[in-house]
Amino acid sequence: MTWLIYLGAIITLLGLAGLAYCIWKANGLRTSGLIGDDMTAALQRLIPINLASVSTAGIGLAMVVVGILL
């Protein structure tokens, strides 16, 4: 099941790339000088991307574990 390990690793890296994007974007928002409701609205737009990235990375790691166990 070597292919499952490699596929899981690729999916995990995609999830980590999404998390890096969220960190980069949030840091840019922090330095942009937005305050109050504008900052809240901008950060709330990042929440679905963050959750999808964490889920993708988790699924990829689960695929790696299953590939190792099989």
PDB file of N, CA and C in Angstrom:
ATOM      1  N   MET A   1       0.819  -1.205   0.000  1.00  0.00           N
ATOM      2  CA  MET A   1       0.000   0.000   0.000  1.00  0.00           C
ATOM      3  C   MET A   1       0.862   1.267   0.000  1.00  0.00           C
ATOM      4  N   THR A   2       1.948   1.185  -0.701  1.00  0.00           N
ATOM      5  CA  THR A   2       2.858   2.322  -0.774  1.00  0.00           C
ATOM      6  C   THR A   2       2.181   3.533  -1.407  1.00  0.00           C
ATOM      7  N   TRP A   3       1.318   3.278  -2.387  1.00  0.00           N
ATOM      8  CA  TRP A   3       0.646   4.391  -3.062  1.00  0.00           C
ATOM      9  C   TRP A   3      -0.240   5.168  -2.092  1.00  0.00           C
ATOM     10  N   LEU A   4      -0.827   4.487  -1.094  1.00  0.00           N
ATOM     11  CA  LEU A   4      -1.674   5.161  -0.119  1.00  0.00           C
ATOM     12  C   LEU A   4      -0.852   6.078   0.779  1.00  0.00           C
ATOM     13  N   ILE A   5       0.355   5.659   1.099  1.00  0.00           N
ATOM     14  CA  ILE A   5       1.243   6.483   1.923  1.00  0.00           C
ATOM     15  C   ILE A   5       1.640   7.750   1.163  1.00  0.00           C
ATOM     16  N   TYR A   6       2.013   7.572  -0.101  1.00  0.00           N
ATOM     17  CA  TYR A   6       2.414   8.744  -0.894  1.00  0.00           C
ATOM     18  C   TYR A   6       1.243   9.691  -1.149  1.00  0.00           C
ATOM     19  N   LEU A   7       0.082   9.133  -1.456  1.00  0.00           N
ATOM     20  CA  LEU A   7      -1.092   9.971  -1.674  1.00  0.00           C
ATOM     21  C   LEU A   7      -1.471  10.721  -0.398  1.00  0.00           C
ATOM     22  N   GLY A   8      -1.407  10.038   0.735  1.00  0.00           N
ATOM     23  CA  GLY A   8      -1.690  10.682   2.017  1.00  0.00           C
ATOM     24  C   GLY A   8      -0.704  11.791   2.328  1.00  0.00           C
ATOM     25  N   ALA A   9       0.554  11.568   1.999  1.00  0.00           N
ATOM     26  CA  ALA A   9       1.565  12.604   2.236  1.00  0.00           C
ATOM     27  C   ALA A   9       1.304  13.830   1.368  1.00  0.00           C
ATOM     28  N   ILE A  10       0.909  13.606   0.127  1.00  0.00           N
ATOM     29  CA  ILE A  10       0.608  14.729  -0.769  1.00  0.00           C
ATOM     30  C   ILE A  10      -0.598  15.504  -0.265  1.00  0.00           C
ATOM     31  N   ILE A  11      -1.636  14.799   0.171  1.00  0.00           N
ATOM     32  CA  ILE A  11      -2.832  15.466   0.686  1.00  0.00           C
ATOM     33  C   ILE A  11      -2.516  16.230   1.965  1.00  0.00           C
ATOM     34  N   THR A  12      -1.668  15.651   2.813  1.00  0.00           N
ATOM     35  CA  THR A  12      -1.257  16.344   4.030  1.00  0.00           C
ATOM     36  C   THR A  12      -0.504  17.625   3.700  1.00  0.00           C
ATOM     37  N   LEU A  13       0.369  17.569   2.714  1.00  0.00           N
ATOM     38  CA  LEU A  13       1.107  18.766   2.320  1.00  0.00           C
ATOM     39  C   LEU A  13       0.185  19.835   1.746  1.00  0.00           C
ATOM     40  N   LEU A  14      -0.855  19.428   1.032  1.00  0.00           N
ATOM     41  CA  LEU A  14      -1.836  20.403   0.539  1.00  0.00           C
ATOM     42  C   LEU A  14      -2.556  21.079   1.700  1.00  0.00           C
ATOM     43  N   GLY A  15      -2.909  20.297   2.709  1.00  0.00           N
ATOM     44  CA  GLY A  15      -3.543  20.870   3.900  1.00  0.00           C
ATOM     45  C   GLY A  15      -2.619  21.832   4.623  1.00  0.00           C
ATOM     46  N   LEU A  16      -1.349  21.468   4.731  1.00  0.00           N
ATOM     47  CA  LEU A  16      -0.385  22.355   5.378  1.00  0.00           C
ATOM     48  C   LEU A  16      -0.168  23.632   4.573  1.00  0.00           C
ATOM     49  N   ALA A  17      -0.238  23.527   3.257  1.00  0.00           N
ATOM     50  CA  ALA A  17      -0.123  24.727   2.412  1.00  0.00           C
ATOM     51  C   ALA A  17      -1.309  25.651   2.665  1.00  0.00           C
ATOM     52  N   GLY A  18      -2.498  25.074   2.829  1.00  0.00           N
ATOM     53  CA  GLY A  18      -3.668  25.887   3.153  1.00  0.00           C
ATOM     54  C   GLY A  18      -3.528  26.573   4.507  1.00  0.00           C
ATOM     55  N   LEU A  19      -2.966  25.874   5.475  1.00  0.00           N
ATOM     56  CA  LEU A  19      -2.738  26.488   6.781  1.00  0.00           C
ATOM     57  C   LEU A  19      -1.710  27.609   6.693  1.00  0.00           C
ATOM     58  N   ALA A  20      -0.671  27.396   5.890  1.00  0.00           N
ATOM     59  CA  ALA A  20       0.328  28.453   5.707  1.00  0.00           C
ATOM     60  C   ALA A  20      -0.302  29.672   5.042  1.00  0.00           C
ATOM     61  N   TYR A  21      -1.207  29.441   4.097  1.00  0.00           N
ATOM     62  CA  TYR A  21      -1.909  30.561   3.454  1.00  0.00           C
ATOM     63  C   TYR A  21      -2.732  31.338   4.480  1.00  0.00           C
ATOM     64  N   CYS A  22      -3.427  30.613   5.354  1.00  0.00           N
ATOM     65  CA  CYS A  22      -4.236  31.284   6.380  1.00  0.00           C
ATOM     66  C   CYS A  22      -3.369  32.114   7.315  1.00  0.00           C
ATOM     67  N   ILE A  23      -2.234  31.577   7.709  1.00  0.00           N
ATOM     68  CA  ILE A  23      -1.321  32.318   8.579  1.00  0.00           C
ATOM     69  C   ILE A  23      -0.798  33.554   7.870  1.00  0.00           C
ATOM     70  N   TRP A  24      -0.421  33.387   6.610  1.00  0.00           N
ATOM     71  CA  TRP A  24       0.104  34.513   5.836  1.00  0.00           C
ATOM     72  C   TRP A  24      -0.956  35.607   5.672  1.00  0.00           C
ATOM     73  N   LYS A  25      -2.174  35.184   5.355  1.00  0.00           N
ATOM     74  CA  LYS A  25      -3.257  36.143   5.139  1.00  0.00           C
ATOM     75  C   LYS A  25      -3.630  36.855   6.447  1.00  0.00           C
ATOM     76  N   ALA A  26      -3.707  36.115   7.555  1.00  0.00           N
ATOM     77  CA  ALA A  26      -4.053  36.724   8.841  1.00  0.00           C
ATOM     78  C   ALA A  26      -2.965  37.683   9.298  1.00  0.00           C
ATOM     79  N   ASN A  27      -1.716  37.347   9.047  1.00  0.00           N
ATOM     80  CA  ASN A  27      -0.637  38.257   9.403  1.00  0.00           C
ATOM     81  C   ASN A  27      -0.713  39.532   8.565  1.00  0.00           C
ATOM     82  N   GLY A  28      -1.062  39.393   7.300  1.00  0.00           N
ATOM     83  CA  GLY A  28      -1.235  40.567   6.456  1.00  0.00           C
ATOM     84  C   GLY A  28      -2.393  41.442   6.916  1.00  0.00           C
ATOM     85  N   LEU A  29      -3.457  40.809   7.388  1.00  0.00           N
ATOM     86  CA  LEU A  29      -4.581  41.578   7.906  1.00  0.00           C
ATOM     87  C   LEU A  29      -4.210  42.302   9.196  1.00  0.00           C
ATOM     88  N   ARG A  30      -3.389  41.651  10.015  1.00  0.00           N
ATOM     89  CA  ARG A  30      -2.994  42.261  11.277  1.00  0.00           C
ATOM     90  C   ARG A  30      -2.170  43.519  11.041  1.00  0.00           C
ATOM     91  N   THR A  31      -1.312  43.468  10.036  1.00  0.00           N
ATOM     92  CA  THR A  31      -0.466  44.630   9.756  1.00  0.00           C
ATOM     93  C   THR A  31      -1.152  45.657   8.853  1.00  0.00           C
ATOM     94  N   SER A  32      -2.362  45.345   8.355  1.00  0.00           N
ATOM     95  CA  SER A  32      -3.036  46.277   7.453  1.00  0.00           C
ATOM     96  C   SER A  32      -3.671  47.452   8.175  1.00  0.00           C
ATOM     97  N   GLY A  33      -3.875  47.327   9.463  1.00  0.00           N
ATOM     98  CA  GLY A  33      -4.434  48.439  10.219  1.00  0.00           C
ATOM     99  C   GLY A  33      -5.943  48.430  10.313  1.00  0.00           C
ATOM    100  N   LEU A  34      -6.583  47.350   9.889  1.00  0.00           N
ATOM    101  CA  LEU A  34      -8.039  47.257  10.035  1.00  0.00           C
ATOM    102  C   LEU A  34      -8.402  47.140  11.505  1.00  0.00           C
ATOM    103  N   ILE A  35      -9.544  47.726  11.864  1.00  0.00           N
ATOM    104  CA  ILE A  35      -9.998  47.634  13.250  1.00  0.00           C
ATOM    105  C   ILE A  35     -11.484  47.315  13.272  1.00  0.00           C
ATOM    106  N   GLY A  36     -11.934  46.765  14.365  1.00  0.00           N
ATOM    107  CA  GLY A  36     -13.355  46.552  14.611  1.00  0.00           C
ATOM    108  C   GLY A  36     -14.001  45.541  13.688  1.00  0.00           C
ATOM    109  N   ASP A  37     -15.149  45.946  13.161  1.00  0.00           N
ATOM    110  CA  ASP A  37     -15.962  45.042  12.350  1.00  0.00           C
ATOM    111  C   ASP A  37     -15.284  44.641  11.038  1.00  0.00           C
ATOM    112  N   ASP A  38     -14.473  45.528  10.486  1.00  0.00           N
ATOM    113  CA  ASP A  38     -13.774  45.196   9.243  1.00  0.00           C
ATOM    114  C   ASP A  38     -12.786  44.050   9.465  1.00  0.00           C
ATOM    115  N   MET A  39     -12.058  44.113  10.565  1.00  0.00           N
ATOM    116  CA  MET A  39     -11.104  43.051  10.882  1.00  0.00           C
ATOM    117  C   MET A  39     -11.838  41.746  11.168  1.00  0.00           C
ATOM    118  N   THR A  40     -12.934  41.833  11.904  1.00  0.00           N
ATOM    119  CA  THR A  40     -13.713  40.636  12.226  1.00  0.00           C
ATOM    120  C   THR A  40     -14.251  39.978  10.962  1.00  0.00           C
ATOM    121  N   ALA A  41     -14.774  40.773  10.052  1.00  0.00           N
ATOM    122  CA  ALA A  41     -15.321  40.234   8.811  1.00  0.00           C
ATOM    123  C   ALA A  41     -14.218  39.587   7.964  1.00  0.00           C
ATOM    124  N   ALA A  42     -13.060  40.208   7.917  1.00  0.00           N
ATOM    125  CA  ALA A  42     -11.960  39.652   7.127  1.00  0.00           C
ATOM    126  C   ALA A  42     -11.460  38.340   7.729  1.00  0.00           C
ATOM    127  N   LEU A  43     -11.370  38.281   9.046  1.00  0.00           N
ATOM    128  CA  LEU A  43     -10.912  37.048   9.688  1.00  0.00           C
ATOM    129  C   LEU A  43     -11.959  35.944   9.594  1.00  0.00           C
ATOM    130  N   GLN A  44     -13.231  36.311   9.624  1.00  0.00           N
ATOM    131  CA  GLN A  44     -14.276  35.294   9.504  1.00  0.00           C
ATOM    132  C   GLN A  44     -14.300  34.664   8.115  1.00  0.00           C
ATOM    133  N   ARG A  45     -13.821  35.374   7.113  1.00  0.00           N
ATOM    134  CA  ARG A  45     -13.716  34.787   5.779  1.00  0.00           C
ATOM    135  C   ARG A  45     -12.611  33.738   5.710  1.00  0.00           C
ATOM    136  N   LEU A  46     -11.649  33.796   6.640  1.00  0.00           N
ATOM    137  CA  LEU A  46     -10.565  32.819   6.662  1.00  0.00           C
ATOM    138  C   LEU A  46     -10.936  31.531   7.400  1.00  0.00           C
ATOM    139  N   ILE A  47     -11.971  31.565   8.217  1.00  0.00           N
ATOM    140  CA  ILE A  47     -12.328  30.402   9.030  1.00  0.00           C
ATOM    141  C   ILE A  47     -12.650  29.171   8.184  1.00  0.00           C
ATOM    142  N   PRO A  48     -13.477  29.253   7.139  1.00  0.00           N
ATOM    143  CA  PRO A  48     -13.735  28.044   6.345  1.00  0.00           C
ATOM    144  C   PRO A  48     -12.483  27.478   5.674  1.00  0.00           C
ATOM    145  N   ILE A  49     -11.593  28.346   5.234  1.00  0.00           N
ATOM    146  CA  ILE A  49     -10.357  27.884   4.615  1.00  0.00           C
ATOM    147  C   ILE A  49      -9.497  27.171   5.650  1.00  0.00           C
ATOM    148  N   ASN A  50      -9.438  27.732   6.852  1.00  0.00           N
ATOM    149  CA  ASN A  50      -8.659  27.135   7.924  1.00  0.00           C
ATOM    150  C   ASN A  50      -9.214  25.765   8.299  1.00  0.00           C
ATOM    151  N   LEU A  51     -10.515  25.658   8.460  1.00  0.00           N
ATOM    152  CA  LEU A  51     -11.122  24.380   8.823  1.00  0.00           C
ATOM    153  C   LEU A  51     -10.946  23.340   7.725  1.00  0.00           C
ATOM    154  N   ALA A  52     -11.084  23.753   6.486  1.00  0.00           N
ATOM    155  CA  ALA A  52     -10.879  22.820   5.372  1.00  0.00           C
ATOM    156  C   ALA A  52      -9.425  22.353   5.313  1.00  0.00           C
ATOM    157  N   SER A  53      -8.495  23.240   5.596  1.00  0.00           N
ATOM    158  CA  SER A  53      -7.084  22.873   5.573  1.00  0.00           C
ATOM    159  C   SER A  53      -6.737  21.888   6.682  1.00  0.00           C
ATOM    160  N   VAL A  54      -7.264  22.137   7.876  1.00  0.00           N
ATOM    161  CA  VAL A  54      -7.010  21.225   8.990  1.00  0.00           C
ATOM    162  C   VAL A  54      -7.628  19.859   8.693  1.00  0.00           C
ATOM    163  N   SER A  55      -8.830  19.852   8.149  1.00  0.00           N
ATOM    164  CA  SER A  55      -9.488  18.584   7.817  1.00  0.00           C
ATOM    165  C   SER A  55      -8.716  17.832   6.737  1.00  0.00           C
ATOM    166  N   THR A  56      -8.254  18.543   5.734  1.00  0.00           N
ATOM    167  CA  THR A  56      -7.488  17.916   4.656  1.00  0.00           C
ATOM    168  C   THR A  56      -6.191  17.315   5.189  1.00  0.00           C
ATOM    169  N   ALA A  57      -5.504  18.049   6.034  1.00  0.00           N
ATOM    170  CA  ALA A  57      -4.269  17.531   6.613  1.00  0.00           C
ATOM    171  C   ALA A  57      -4.552  16.311   7.483  1.00  0.00           C
ATOM    172  N   GLY A  58      -5.643  16.334   8.242  1.00  0.00           N
ATOM    173  CA  GLY A  58      -6.009  15.193   9.081  1.00  0.00           C
ATOM    174  C   GLY A  58      -6.350  13.962   8.275  1.00  0.00           C
ATOM    175  N   ILE A  59      -7.086  14.151   7.193  1.00  0.00           N
ATOM    176  CA  ILE A  59      -7.422  13.018   6.326  1.00  0.00           C
ATOM    177  C   ILE A  59      -6.157  12.450   5.687  1.00  0.00           C
ATOM    178  N   GLY A  60      -5.266  13.326   5.261  1.00  0.00           N
ATOM    179  CA  GLY A  60      -4.010  12.860   4.683  1.00  0.00           C
ATOM    180  C   GLY A  60      -3.177  12.067   5.682  1.00  0.00           C
ATOM    181  N   LEU A  61      -3.124  12.535   6.921  1.00  0.00           N
ATOM    182  CA  LEU A  61      -2.376  11.803   7.935  1.00  0.00           C
ATOM    183  C   LEU A  61      -3.031  10.459   8.236  1.00  0.00           C
ATOM    184  N   ALA A  62      -4.356  10.424   8.243  1.00  0.00           N
ATOM    185  CA  ALA A  62      -5.055   9.154   8.453  1.00  0.00           C
ATOM    186  C   ALA A  62      -4.751   8.181   7.316  1.00  0.00           C
ATOM    187  N   MET A  63      -4.659   8.692   6.095  1.00  0.00           N
ATOM    188  CA  MET A  63      -4.327   7.831   4.954  1.00  0.00           C
ATOM    189  C   MET A  63      -2.917   7.259   5.098  1.00  0.00           C
ATOM    190  N   VAL A  64      -1.986   8.079   5.595  1.00  0.00           N
ATOM    191  CA  VAL A  64      -0.624   7.597   5.803  1.00  0.00           C
ATOM    192  C   VAL A  64      -0.608   6.487   6.852  1.00  0.00           C
ATOM    193  N   VAL A  65      -1.332   6.687   7.937  1.00  0.00           N
ATOM    194  CA  VAL A  65      -1.378   5.682   9.003  1.00  0.00           C
ATOM    195  C   VAL A  65      -1.998   4.384   8.492  1.00  0.00           C
ATOM    196  N   VAL A  66      -3.091   4.496   7.747  1.00  0.00           N
ATOM    197  CA  VAL A  66      -3.727   3.291   7.203  1.00  0.00           C
ATOM    198  C   VAL A  66      -2.787   2.601   6.227  1.00  0.00           C
ATOM    199  N   GLY A  67      -2.085   3.355   5.415  1.00  0.00           N
ATOM    200  CA  GLY A  67      -1.128   2.773   4.490  1.00  0.00           C
ATOM    201  C   GLY A  67       0.008   2.053   5.197  1.00  0.00           C
ATOM    202  N   ILE A  68       0.441   2.586   6.318  1.00  0.00           N
ATOM    203  CA  ILE A  68       1.506   1.937   7.094  1.00  0.00           C
ATOM    204  C   ILE A  68       0.983   0.656   7.743  1.00  0.00           C
ATOM    205  N   LEU A  69      -0.230   0.715   8.275  1.00  0.00           N
ATOM    206  CA  LEU A  69      -0.794  -0.460   8.954  1.00  0.00           C
ATOM    207  C   LEU A  69      -1.111  -1.596   7.980  1.00  0.00           C
ATOM    208  N   LEU A  70      -1.461  -1.252   6.760  1.00  0.00           N
ATOM    209  CA  LEU A  70      -1.756  -2.296   5.782  1.00  0.00           C
ATOM    210  C   LEU A  70      -0.485  -2.794   5.161  1.00  0.00           C
TER     211      LEU A  70
END
